[in-house]
């Protein structure tokens, strides 16, 4: 059984541009649009097995990027640290500065 690894969804945002257009399309249809392998095969015009292999290879590449670059993990750690500082800050000025920092880094939710 081929199961979705939903931990890869945020990694697609970080590293999707490094994938081929075909790989991005397959992952988008599979993860973001929640299509089945058969539906993707019909949409893209390849076999179900071809879809599965393409998704698997793209997942491996995204995982490789994160294992070596750690961009998503670092962003998550920065966001959590910023949120803790924001909550613990004694002044509104500090809270505002932390929010501005997180926003400038593109880490607001």
PDB file of N, CA and C in Angstrom:
ATOM      1  N   UNK A   1       0.837  -1.190   0.000  1.00  0.00           N
ATOM      2  CA  UNK A   1       0.000   0.000   0.000  1.00  0.00           C
ATOM      3  C   UNK A   1       0.875   1.244   0.000  1.00  0.00           C
ATOM      4  N   UNK A   2       0.548   2.180  -0.814  1.00  0.00           N
ATOM      5  CA  UNK A   2       1.265   3.441  -0.952  1.00  0.00           C
ATOM      6  C   UNK A   2       0.554   4.469  -0.084  1.00  0.00           C
ATOM      7  N   UNK A   3       1.208   4.915   0.988  1.00  0.00           N
ATOM      8  CA  UNK A   3       0.563   5.841   1.917  1.00  0.00           C
ATOM      9  C   UNK A   3       1.157   7.231   1.791  1.00  0.00           C
ATOM     10  N   UNK A   4       0.321   8.224   2.008  1.00  0.00           N
ATOM     11  CA  UNK A   4       0.772   9.609   1.968  1.00  0.00           C
ATOM     12  C   UNK A   4       1.575   9.928   3.214  1.00  0.00           C
ATOM     13  N   UNK A   5       2.685  10.605   3.004  1.00  0.00           N
ATOM     14  CA  UNK A   5       3.504  11.104   4.098  1.00  0.00           C
ATOM     15  C   UNK A   5       3.214  12.600   4.216  1.00  0.00           C
ATOM     16  N   UNK A   6       2.256  12.936   5.067  1.00  0.00           N
ATOM     17  CA  UNK A   6       1.804  14.320   5.162  1.00  0.00           C
ATOM     18  C   UNK A   6       2.864  15.260   5.722  1.00  0.00           C
ATOM     19  N   UNK A   7       3.924  14.722   6.298  1.00  0.00           N
ATOM     20  CA  UNK A   7       5.033  15.564   6.763  1.00  0.00           C
ATOM     21  C   UNK A   7       5.743  16.230   5.583  1.00  0.00           C
ATOM     22  N   UNK A   8       5.530  15.707   4.380  1.00  0.00           N
ATOM     23  CA  UNK A   8       6.165  16.278   3.195  1.00  0.00           C
ATOM     24  C   UNK A   8       5.435  17.505   2.655  1.00  0.00           C
ATOM     25  N   UNK A   9       4.208  17.727   3.091  1.00  0.00           N
ATOM     26  CA  UNK A   9       3.420  18.841   2.555  1.00  0.00           C
ATOM     27  C   UNK A   9       4.118  20.189   2.781  1.00  0.00           C
ATOM     28  N   UNK A  10       4.555  20.512   4.015  1.00  0.00           N
ATOM     29  CA  UNK A  10       5.251  21.796   4.165  1.00  0.00           C
ATOM     30  C   UNK A  10       6.584  21.834   3.427  1.00  0.00           C
ATOM     31  N   UNK A  11       7.221  20.681   3.258  1.00  0.00           N
ATOM     32  CA  UNK A  11       8.483  20.650   2.526  1.00  0.00           C
ATOM     33  C   UNK A  11       8.273  20.976   1.049  1.00  0.00           C
ATOM     34  N   UNK A  12       7.102  20.664   0.542  1.00  0.00           N
ATOM     35  CA  UNK A  12       6.784  21.005  -0.843  1.00  0.00           C
ATOM     36  C   UNK A  12       6.803  22.518  -1.031  1.00  0.00           C
ATOM     37  N   UNK A  13       6.342  23.248  -0.024  1.00  0.00           N
ATOM     38  CA  UNK A  13       6.394  24.714  -0.098  1.00  0.00           C
ATOM     39  C   UNK A  13       7.843  25.208  -0.120  1.00  0.00           C
ATOM     40  N   UNK A  14       8.698  24.593   0.675  1.00  0.00           N
ATOM     41  CA  UNK A  14      10.086  25.020   0.761  1.00  0.00           C
ATOM     42  C   UNK A  14      10.904  24.626  -0.456  1.00  0.00           C
ATOM     43  N   UNK A  15      10.713  23.424  -0.938  1.00  0.00           N
ATOM     44  CA  UNK A  15      11.618  22.884  -1.955  1.00  0.00           C
ATOM     45  C   UNK A  15      10.950  22.582  -3.293  1.00  0.00           C
ATOM     46  N   UNK A  16       9.689  22.861  -3.421  1.00  0.00           N
ATOM     47  CA  UNK A  16       8.975  22.542  -4.654  1.00  0.00           C
ATOM     48  C   UNK A  16       9.598  23.149  -5.897  1.00  0.00           C
ATOM     49  N   UNK A  17      10.141  24.345  -5.769  1.00  0.00           N
ATOM     50  CA  UNK A  17      10.745  25.006  -6.927  1.00  0.00           C
ATOM     51  C   UNK A  17      11.993  24.292  -7.422  1.00  0.00           C
ATOM     52  N   UNK A  18      12.572  23.436  -6.589  1.00  0.00           N
ATOM     53  CA  UNK A  18      13.768  22.695  -6.988  1.00  0.00           C
ATOM     54  C   UNK A  18      13.436  21.424  -7.764  1.00  0.00           C
ATOM     55  N   UNK A  19      12.171  21.060  -7.772  1.00  0.00           N
ATOM     56  CA  UNK A  19      11.732  19.867  -8.494  1.00  0.00           C
ATOM     57  C   UNK A  19      11.418  20.214  -9.946  1.00  0.00           C
ATOM     58  N   UNK A  20      11.333  19.195 -10.770  1.00  0.00           N
ATOM     59  CA  UNK A  20      10.912  19.426 -12.150  1.00  0.00           C
ATOM     60  C   UNK A  20       9.427  19.807 -12.153  1.00  0.00           C
ATOM     61  N   UNK A  21       8.989  20.396 -13.227  1.00  0.00           N
ATOM     62  CA  UNK A  21       7.575  20.775 -13.334  1.00  0.00           C
ATOM     63  C   UNK A  21       6.676  19.538 -13.207  1.00  0.00           C
ATOM     64  N   UNK A  22       7.094  18.445 -13.804  1.00  0.00           N
ATOM     65  CA  UNK A  22       6.323  17.195 -13.738  1.00  0.00           C
ATOM     66  C   UNK A  22       6.203  16.703 -12.293  1.00  0.00           C
ATOM     67  N   UNK A  23       7.322  16.733 -11.549  1.00  0.00           N
ATOM     68  CA  UNK A  23       7.306  16.298 -10.156  1.00  0.00           C
ATOM     69  C   UNK A  23       6.409  17.207  -9.310  1.00  0.00           C
ATOM     70  N   UNK A  24       6.515  18.511  -9.527  1.00  0.00           N
ATOM     71  CA  UNK A  24       5.661  19.456  -8.795  1.00  0.00           C
ATOM     72  C   UNK A  24       4.194  19.187  -9.082  1.00  0.00           C
ATOM     73  N   UNK A  25       3.878  18.927 -10.331  1.00  0.00           N
ATOM     74  CA  UNK A  25       2.499  18.646 -10.719  1.00  0.00           C
ATOM     75  C   UNK A  25       1.993  17.387 -10.021  1.00  0.00           C
ATOM     76  N   UNK A  26       2.780  16.327 -10.053  1.00  0.00           N
ATOM     77  CA  UNK A  26       2.366  15.080  -9.417  1.00  0.00           C
ATOM     78  C   UNK A  26       2.131  15.268  -7.919  1.00  0.00           C
ATOM     79  N   UNK A  27       3.067  15.940  -7.243  1.00  0.00           N
ATOM     80  CA  UNK A  27       2.912  16.149  -5.805  1.00  0.00           C
ATOM     81  C   UNK A  27       1.739  17.062  -5.494  1.00  0.00           C
ATOM     82  N   UNK A  28       1.531  18.074  -6.317  1.00  0.00           N
ATOM     83  CA  UNK A  28       0.398  18.977  -6.109  1.00  0.00           C
ATOM     84  C   UNK A  28      -0.922  18.224  -6.240  1.00  0.00           C
ATOM     85  N   UNK A  29      -1.046  17.432  -7.277  1.00  0.00           N
ATOM     86  CA  UNK A  29      -2.279  16.672  -7.477  1.00  0.00           C
ATOM     87  C   UNK A  29      -2.494  15.652  -6.359  1.00  0.00           C
ATOM     88  N   UNK A  30      -1.428  15.042  -5.900  1.00  0.00           N
ATOM     89  CA  UNK A  30      -1.526  13.992  -4.887  1.00  0.00           C
ATOM     90  C   UNK A  30      -1.757  14.567  -3.488  1.00  0.00           C
ATOM     91  N   UNK A  31      -0.965  15.551  -3.106  1.00  0.00           N
ATOM     92  CA  UNK A  31      -1.048  16.078  -1.742  1.00  0.00           C
ATOM     93  C   UNK A  31      -2.034  17.239  -1.598  1.00  0.00           C
ATOM     94  N   UNK A  32      -1.952  18.214  -2.477  1.00  0.00           N
ATOM     95  CA  UNK A  32      -2.790  19.408  -2.322  1.00  0.00           C
ATOM     96  C   UNK A  32      -4.213  19.218  -2.836  1.00  0.00           C
ATOM     97  N   UNK A  33      -4.358  18.487  -3.946  1.00  0.00           N
ATOM     98  CA  UNK A  33      -5.686  18.293  -4.510  1.00  0.00           C
ATOM     99  C   UNK A  33      -6.297  16.945  -4.121  1.00  0.00           C
ATOM    100  N   UNK A  34      -5.524  16.134  -3.425  1.00  0.00           N
ATOM    101  CA  UNK A  34      -5.975  14.863  -2.854  1.00  0.00           C
ATOM    102  C   UNK A  34      -6.566  13.909  -3.895  1.00  0.00           C
ATOM    103  N   UNK A  35      -5.963  13.875  -5.074  1.00  0.00           N
ATOM    104  CA  UNK A  35      -6.417  12.940  -6.103  1.00  0.00           C
ATOM    105  C   UNK A  35      -5.769  11.579  -5.884  1.00  0.00           C
ATOM    106  N   UNK A  36      -6.438  10.549  -6.316  1.00  0.00           N
ATOM    107  CA  UNK A  36      -5.891   9.196  -6.230  1.00  0.00           C
ATOM    108  C   UNK A  36      -4.850   9.003  -7.335  1.00  0.00           C
ATOM    109  N   UNK A  37      -4.076   7.934  -7.217  1.00  0.00           N
ATOM    110  CA  UNK A  37      -3.087   7.640  -8.256  1.00  0.00           C
ATOM    111  C   UNK A  37      -3.760   7.436  -9.607  1.00  0.00           C
ATOM    112  N   UNK A  38      -4.903   6.762  -9.611  1.00  0.00           N
ATOM    113  CA  UNK A  38      -5.633   6.530 -10.862  1.00  0.00           C
ATOM    114  C   UNK A  38      -6.127   7.847 -11.461  1.00  0.00           C
ATOM    115  N   UNK A  39      -6.629   8.740 -10.625  1.00  0.00           N
ATOM    116  CA  UNK A  39      -7.105  10.041 -11.117  1.00  0.00           C
ATOM    117  C   UNK A  39      -5.956  10.864 -11.687  1.00  0.00           C
ATOM    118  N   UNK A  40      -4.815  10.825 -11.010  1.00  0.00           N
ATOM    119  CA  UNK A  40      -3.645  11.560 -11.498  1.00  0.00           C
ATOM    120  C   UNK A  40      -3.170  10.967 -12.817  1.00  0.00           C
ATOM    121  N   UNK A  41      -3.170   9.638 -12.911  1.00  0.00           N
ATOM    122  CA  UNK A  41      -2.753   8.965 -14.142  1.00  0.00           C
ATOM    123  C   UNK A  41      -3.617   9.419 -15.318  1.00  0.00           C
ATOM    124  N   UNK A  42      -4.908   9.496 -15.100  1.00  0.00           N
ATOM    125  CA  UNK A  42      -5.815   9.943 -16.162  1.00  0.00           C
ATOM    126  C   UNK A  42      -5.572  11.408 -16.509  1.00  0.00           C
ATOM    127  N   UNK A  43      -5.323  12.224 -15.507  1.00  0.00           N
ATOM    128  CA  UNK A  43      -5.095  13.664 -15.703  1.00  0.00           C
ATOM    129  C   UNK A  43      -3.795  13.932 -16.460  1.00  0.00           C
ATOM    130  N   UNK A  44      -2.738  13.212 -16.090  1.00  0.00           N
ATOM    131  CA  UNK A  44      -1.412  13.468 -16.639  1.00  0.00           C
ATOM    132  C   UNK A  44      -1.141  12.653 -17.901  1.00  0.00           C
ATOM    133  N   UNK A  45      -1.833  11.534 -18.038  1.00  0.00           N
ATOM    134  CA  UNK A  45      -1.667  10.717 -19.235  1.00  0.00           C
ATOM    135  C   UNK A  45      -0.546   9.699 -19.132  1.00  0.00           C
ATOM    136  N   UNK A  46      -0.296   9.200 -17.920  1.00  0.00           N
ATOM    137  CA  UNK A  46       0.678   8.138 -17.728  1.00  0.00           C
ATOM    138  C   UNK A  46       0.015   7.034 -16.902  1.00  0.00           C
ATOM    139  N   UNK A  47       0.729   5.934 -16.731  1.00  0.00           N
ATOM    140  CA  UNK A  47       0.161   4.817 -15.977  1.00  0.00           C
ATOM    141  C   UNK A  47       0.116   5.137 -14.486  1.00  0.00           C
ATOM    142  N   UNK A  48      -0.714   4.375 -13.794  1.00  0.00           N
ATOM    143  CA  UNK A  48      -0.807   4.525 -12.339  1.00  0.00           C
ATOM    144  C   UNK A  48       0.552   4.237 -11.704  1.00  0.00           C
ATOM    145  N   UNK A  49       1.243   3.217 -12.210  1.00  0.00           N
ATOM    146  CA  UNK A  49       2.575   2.875 -11.706  1.00  0.00           C
ATOM    147  C   UNK A  49       3.557   4.012 -11.977  1.00  0.00           C
ATOM    148  N   UNK A  50       3.447   4.658 -13.121  1.00  0.00           N
ATOM    149  CA  UNK A  50       4.301   5.798 -13.436  1.00  0.00           C
ATOM    150  C   UNK A  50       4.077   6.953 -12.476  1.00  0.00           C
ATOM    151  N   UNK A  51       2.810   7.172 -12.118  1.00  0.00           N
ATOM    152  CA  UNK A  51       2.480   8.213 -11.139  1.00  0.00           C
ATOM    153  C   UNK A  51       3.119   7.879  -9.807  1.00  0.00           C
ATOM    154  N   UNK A  52       2.953   6.625  -9.374  1.00  0.00           N
ATOM    155  CA  UNK A  52       3.495   6.203  -8.079  1.00  0.00           C
ATOM    156  C   UNK A  52       5.008   6.394  -8.038  1.00  0.00           C
ATOM    157  N   UNK A  53       5.690   5.963  -9.080  1.00  0.00           N
ATOM    158  CA  UNK A  53       7.147   6.083  -9.135  1.00  0.00           C
ATOM    159  C   UNK A  53       7.577   7.550  -9.174  1.00  0.00           C
ATOM    160  N   UNK A  54       6.845   8.381  -9.918  1.00  0.00           N
ATOM    161  CA  UNK A  54       7.169   9.806  -9.985  1.00  0.00           C
ATOM    162  C   UNK A  54       6.998  10.498  -8.640  1.00  0.00           C
ATOM    163  N   UNK A  55       5.924  10.155  -7.942  1.00  0.00           N
ATOM    164  CA  UNK A  55       5.681  10.732  -6.617  1.00  0.00           C
ATOM    165  C   UNK A  55       6.769  10.280  -5.649  1.00  0.00           C
ATOM    166  N   UNK A  56       7.090   8.996  -5.684  1.00  0.00           N
ATOM    167  CA  UNK A  56       8.105   8.453  -4.773  1.00  0.00           C
ATOM    168  C   UNK A  56       9.449   9.142  -4.989  1.00  0.00           C
ATOM    169  N   UNK A  57       9.840   9.314  -6.239  1.00  0.00           N
ATOM    170  CA  UNK A  57      11.119   9.973  -6.540  1.00  0.00           C
ATOM    171  C   UNK A  57      11.102  11.421  -6.082  1.00  0.00           C
ATOM    172  N   UNK A  58      10.013  12.123  -6.302  1.00  0.00           N
ATOM    173  CA  UNK A  58       9.913  13.523  -5.869  1.00  0.00           C
ATOM    174  C   UNK A  58       9.953  13.618  -4.345  1.00  0.00           C
ATOM    175  N   UNK A  59       9.290  12.690  -3.662  1.00  0.00           N
ATOM    176  CA  UNK A  59       9.326  12.667  -2.194  1.00  0.00           C
ATOM    177  C   UNK A  59      10.747  12.456  -1.692  1.00  0.00           C
ATOM    178  N   UNK A  60      11.475  11.555  -2.347  1.00  0.00           N
ATOM    179  CA  UNK A  60      12.860  11.292  -1.956  1.00  0.00           C
ATOM    180  C   UNK A  60      13.724  12.532  -2.148  1.00  0.00           C
ATOM    181  N   UNK A  61      13.516  13.256  -3.236  1.00  0.00           N
ATOM    182  CA  UNK A  61      14.295  14.467  -3.490  1.00  0.00           C
ATOM    183  C   UNK A  61      13.996  15.538  -2.448  1.00  0.00           C
ATOM    184  N   UNK A  62      12.723  15.741  -2.144  1.00  0.00           N
ATOM    185  CA  UNK A  62      12.357  16.743  -1.140  1.00  0.00           C
ATOM    186  C   UNK A  62      12.945  16.371   0.221  1.00  0.00           C
ATOM    187  N   UNK A  63      12.879  15.113   0.573  1.00  0.00           N
ATOM    188  CA  UNK A  63      13.453  14.651   1.842  1.00  0.00           C
ATOM    189  C   UNK A  63      14.969  14.864   1.859  1.00  0.00           C
ATOM    190  N   UNK A  64      15.612  14.597   0.751  1.00  0.00           N
ATOM    191  CA  UNK A  64      17.060  14.815   0.632  1.00  0.00           C
ATOM    192  C   UNK A  64      17.400  16.286   0.864  1.00  0.00           C
ATOM    193  N   UNK A  65      16.647  17.175   0.230  1.00  0.00           N
ATOM    194  CA  UNK A  65      16.899  18.609   0.412  1.00  0.00           C
ATOM    195  C   UNK A  65      16.784  19.010   1.881  1.00  0.00           C
ATOM    196  N   UNK A  66      15.736  18.556   2.544  1.00  0.00           N
ATOM    197  CA  UNK A  66      15.543  18.929   3.946  1.00  0.00           C
ATOM    198  C   UNK A  66      16.614  18.300   4.837  1.00  0.00           C
ATOM    199  N   UNK A  67      17.015  17.079   4.550  1.00  0.00           N
ATOM    200  CA  UNK A  67      18.064  16.430   5.347  1.00  0.00           C
ATOM    201  C   UNK A  67      19.378  17.197   5.280  1.00  0.00           C
ATOM    202  N   UNK A  68      19.628  17.840   4.158  1.00  0.00           N
ATOM    203  CA  UNK A  68      20.894  18.543   3.987  1.00  0.00           C
ATOM    204  C   UNK A  68      20.808  20.042   4.266  1.00  0.00           C
ATOM    205  N   UNK A  69      19.668  20.642   4.021  1.00  0.00           N
ATOM    206  CA  UNK A  69      19.540  22.096   4.186  1.00  0.00           C
ATOM    207  C   UNK A  69      18.818  22.511   5.466  1.00  0.00           C
ATOM    208  N   UNK A  70      17.903  21.693   5.933  1.00  0.00           N
ATOM    209  CA  UNK A  70      17.156  21.940   7.174  1.00  0.00           C
ATOM    210  C   UNK A  70      16.386  23.265   7.181  1.00  0.00           C
ATOM    211  N   UNK A  71      15.973  23.744   6.038  1.00  0.00           N
ATOM    212  CA  UNK A  71      15.283  25.037   5.984  1.00  0.00           C
ATOM    213  C   UNK A  71      13.940  25.008   6.705  1.00  0.00           C
ATOM    214  N   UNK A  72      13.169  23.978   6.490  1.00  0.00           N
ATOM    215  CA  UNK A  72      11.852  23.892   7.134  1.00  0.00           C
ATOM    216  C   UNK A  72      12.000  23.738   8.642  1.00  0.00           C
ATOM    217  N   UNK A  73      12.937  22.917   9.083  1.00  0.00           N
ATOM    218  CA  UNK A  73      13.152  22.715  10.516  1.00  0.00           C
ATOM    219  C   UNK A  73      13.630  24.001  11.182  1.00  0.00           C
ATOM    220  N   UNK A  74      14.525  24.715  10.532  1.00  0.00           N
ATOM    221  CA  UNK A  74      15.019  25.984  11.087  1.00  0.00           C
ATOM    222  C   UNK A  74      13.904  27.030  11.150  1.00  0.00           C
ATOM    223  N   UNK A  75      13.091  27.080  10.129  1.00  0.00           N
ATOM    224  CA  UNK A  75      11.987  28.040  10.118  1.00  0.00           C
ATOM    225  C   UNK A  75      11.000  27.738  11.239  1.00  0.00           C
ATOM    226  N   UNK A  76      10.704  26.462  11.444  1.00  0.00           N
ATOM    227  CA  UNK A  76       9.785  26.059  12.507  1.00  0.00           C
ATOM    228  C   UNK A  76      10.359  26.413  13.881  1.00  0.00           C
ATOM    229  N   UNK A  77      11.650  26.162  14.078  1.00  0.00           N
ATOM    230  CA  UNK A  77      12.299  26.493  15.354  1.00  0.00           C
ATOM    231  C   UNK A  77      12.286  28.004  15.590  1.00  0.00           C
ATOM    232  N   UNK A  78      12.552  28.776  14.548  1.00  0.00           N
ATOM    233  CA  UNK A  78      12.533  30.239  14.665  1.00  0.00           C
ATOM    234  C   UNK A  78      11.130  30.738  14.991  1.00  0.00           C
ATOM    235  N   UNK A  79      10.135  30.171  14.333  1.00  0.00           N
ATOM    236  CA  UNK A  79       8.747  30.561  14.590  1.00  0.00           C
ATOM    237  C   UNK A  79       8.359  30.250  16.027  1.00  0.00           C
ATOM    238  N   UNK A  80       8.685  29.072  16.507  1.00  0.00           N
ATOM    239  CA  UNK A  80       8.356  28.699  17.891  1.00  0.00           C
ATOM    240  C   UNK A  80       9.073  29.596  18.897  1.00  0.00           C
ATOM    241  N   UNK A  81      10.350  29.881  18.657  1.00  0.00           N
ATOM    242  CA  UNK A  81      11.099  30.759  19.559  1.00  0.00           C
ATOM    243  C   UNK A  81      10.502  32.164  19.556  1.00  0.00           C
ATOM    244  N   UNK A  82      10.159  32.657  18.389  1.00  0.00           N
ATOM    245  CA  UNK A  82       9.539  33.977  18.298  1.00  0.00           C
ATOM    246  C   UNK A  82       8.211  34.039  19.024  1.00  0.00           C
ATOM    247  N   UNK A  83       7.410  33.000  18.884  1.00  0.00           N
ATOM    248  CA  UNK A  83       6.112  32.962  19.576  1.00  0.00           C
ATOM    249  C   UNK A  83       6.304  32.929  21.093  1.00  0.00           C
ATOM    250  N   UNK A  84       7.307  32.182  21.565  1.00  0.00           N
ATOM    251  CA  UNK A  84       7.585  32.148  23.011  1.00  0.00           C
ATOM    252  C   UNK A  84       8.013  33.520  23.515  1.00  0.00           C
ATOM    253  N   UNK A  85       8.889  34.177  22.764  1.00  0.00           N
ATOM    254  CA  UNK A  85       9.338  35.519  23.150  1.00  0.00           C
ATOM    255  C   UNK A  85       8.154  36.477  23.165  1.00  0.00           C
ATOM    256  N   UNK A  86       7.313  36.382  22.152  1.00  0.00           N
ATOM    257  CA  UNK A  86       6.140  37.258  22.056  1.00  0.00           C
ATOM    258  C   UNK A  86       5.231  37.076  23.271  1.00  0.00           C
ATOM    259  N   UNK A  87       5.002  35.850  23.670  1.00  0.00           N
ATOM    260  CA  UNK A  87       4.133  35.569  24.817  1.00  0.00           C
ATOM    261  C   UNK A  87       4.768  36.053  26.119  1.00  0.00           C
ATOM    262  N   UNK A  88       6.082  35.847  26.260  1.00  0.00           N
ATOM    263  CA  UNK A  88       6.776  36.185  27.499  1.00  0.00           C
ATOM    264  C   UNK A  88       7.212  37.648  27.590  1.00  0.00           C
ATOM    265  N   UNK A  89       7.144  38.373  26.496  1.00  0.00           N
ATOM    266  CA  UNK A  89       7.606  39.767  26.491  1.00  0.00           C
ATOM    267  C   UNK A  89       6.787  40.611  27.456  1.00  0.00           C
ATOM    268  N   UNK A  90       7.492  41.474  28.157  1.00  0.00           N
ATOM    269  CA  UNK A  90       6.822  42.330  29.139  1.00  0.00           C
ATOM    270  C   UNK A  90       6.246  43.594  28.524  1.00  0.00           C
ATOM    271  N   UNK A  91       6.772  44.004  27.378  1.00  0.00           N
ATOM    272  CA  UNK A  91       6.273  45.254  26.791  1.00  0.00           C
ATOM    273  C   UNK A  91       5.616  44.990  25.438  1.00  0.00           C
ATOM    274  N   UNK A  92       4.666  45.821  25.118  1.00  0.00           N
ATOM    275  CA  UNK A  92       4.002  45.733  23.816  1.00  0.00           C
ATOM    276  C   UNK A  92       4.988  46.044  22.702  1.00  0.00           C
ATOM    277  N   UNK A  93       5.937  46.903  22.978  1.00  0.00           N
ATOM    278  CA  UNK A  93       6.957  47.270  21.996  1.00  0.00           C
ATOM    279  C   UNK A  93       7.775  46.031  21.589  1.00  0.00           C
ATOM    280  N   UNK A  94       8.126  45.209  22.559  1.00  0.00           N
ATOM    281  CA  UNK A  94       8.875  43.984  22.269  1.00  0.00           C
ATOM    282  C   UNK A  94       8.019  43.003  21.486  1.00  0.00           C
ATOM    283  N   UNK A  95       6.762  42.848  21.886  1.00  0.00           N
ATOM    284  CA  UNK A  95       5.863  41.950  21.161  1.00  0.00           C
ATOM    285  C   UNK A  95       5.692  42.391  19.714  1.00  0.00           C
ATOM    286  N   UNK A  96       5.543  43.685  19.515  1.00  0.00           N
ATOM    287  CA  UNK A  96       5.399  44.226  18.158  1.00  0.00           C
ATOM    288  C   UNK A  96       6.658  43.977  17.340  1.00  0.00           C
ATOM    289  N   UNK A  97       7.826  44.160  17.959  1.00  0.00           N
ATOM    290  CA  UNK A  97       9.095  43.929  17.257  1.00  0.00           C
ATOM    291  C   UNK A  97       9.247  42.465  16.862  1.00  0.00           C
ATOM    292  N   UNK A  98       8.856  41.560  17.755  1.00  0.00           N
ATOM    293  CA  UNK A  98       8.948  40.122  17.447  1.00  0.00           C
ATOM    294  C   UNK A  98       8.000  39.771  16.308  1.00  0.00           C
ATOM    295  N   UNK A  99       6.777  40.281  16.348  1.00  0.00           N
ATOM    296  CA  UNK A  99       5.821  40.021  15.257  1.00  0.00           C
ATOM    297  C   UNK A  99       6.364  40.546  13.932  1.00  0.00           C
ATOM    298  N   UNK A 100       6.973  41.741  13.957  1.00  0.00           N
ATOM    299  CA  UNK A 100       7.540  42.321  12.737  1.00  0.00           C
ATOM    300  C   UNK A 100       8.696  41.469  12.219  1.00  0.00           C
ATOM    301  N   UNK A 101       9.514  40.959  13.120  1.00  0.00           N
ATOM    302  CA  UNK A 101      10.630  40.107  12.727  1.00  0.00           C
ATOM    303  C   UNK A 101      10.140  38.826  12.066  1.00  0.00           C
ATOM    304  N   UNK A 102       9.147  38.178  12.682  1.00  0.00           N
ATOM    305  CA  UNK A 102       8.604  36.945  12.112  1.00  0.00           C
ATOM    306  C   UNK A 102       7.946  37.216  10.764  1.00  0.00           C
ATOM    307  N   UNK A 103       7.261  38.334  10.661  1.00  0.00           N
ATOM    308  CA  UNK A 103       6.613  38.672   9.380  1.00  0.00           C
ATOM    309  C   UNK A 103       7.651  38.942   8.303  1.00  0.00           C
ATOM    310  N   UNK A 104       8.705  39.671   8.662  1.00  0.00           N
ATOM    311  CA  UNK A 104       9.769  39.965   7.685  1.00  0.00           C
ATOM    312  C   UNK A 104      10.466  38.687   7.208  1.00  0.00           C
ATOM    313  N   UNK A 105      10.536  37.706   8.101  1.00  0.00           N
ATOM    314  CA  UNK A 105      11.153  36.425   7.734  1.00  0.00           C
ATOM    315  C   UNK A 105      10.168  35.518   7.005  1.00  0.00           C
ATOM    316  N   UNK A 106       8.927  35.961   6.825  1.00  0.00           N
ATOM    317  CA  UNK A 106       7.926  35.161   6.142  1.00  0.00           C
ATOM    318  C   UNK A 106       7.432  33.998   6.974  1.00  0.00           C
ATOM    319  N   UNK A 107       7.439  34.160   8.289  1.00  0.00           N
ATOM    320  CA  UNK A 107       7.106  33.060   9.185  1.00  0.00           C
ATOM    321  C   UNK A 107       5.820  33.276   9.962  1.00  0.00           C
ATOM    322  N   UNK A 108       4.972  34.161   9.525  1.00  0.00           N
ATOM    323  CA  UNK A 108       3.701  34.348  10.226  1.00  0.00           C
ATOM    324  C   UNK A 108       2.723  33.291   9.773  1.00  0.00           C
ATOM    325  N   UNK A 109       1.818  32.956  10.684  1.00  0.00           N
ATOM    326  CA  UNK A 109       0.815  31.933  10.353  1.00  0.00           C
ATOM    327  C   UNK A 109      -0.539  32.547  10.260  1.00  0.00           C
TER     328      UNK A 109
END
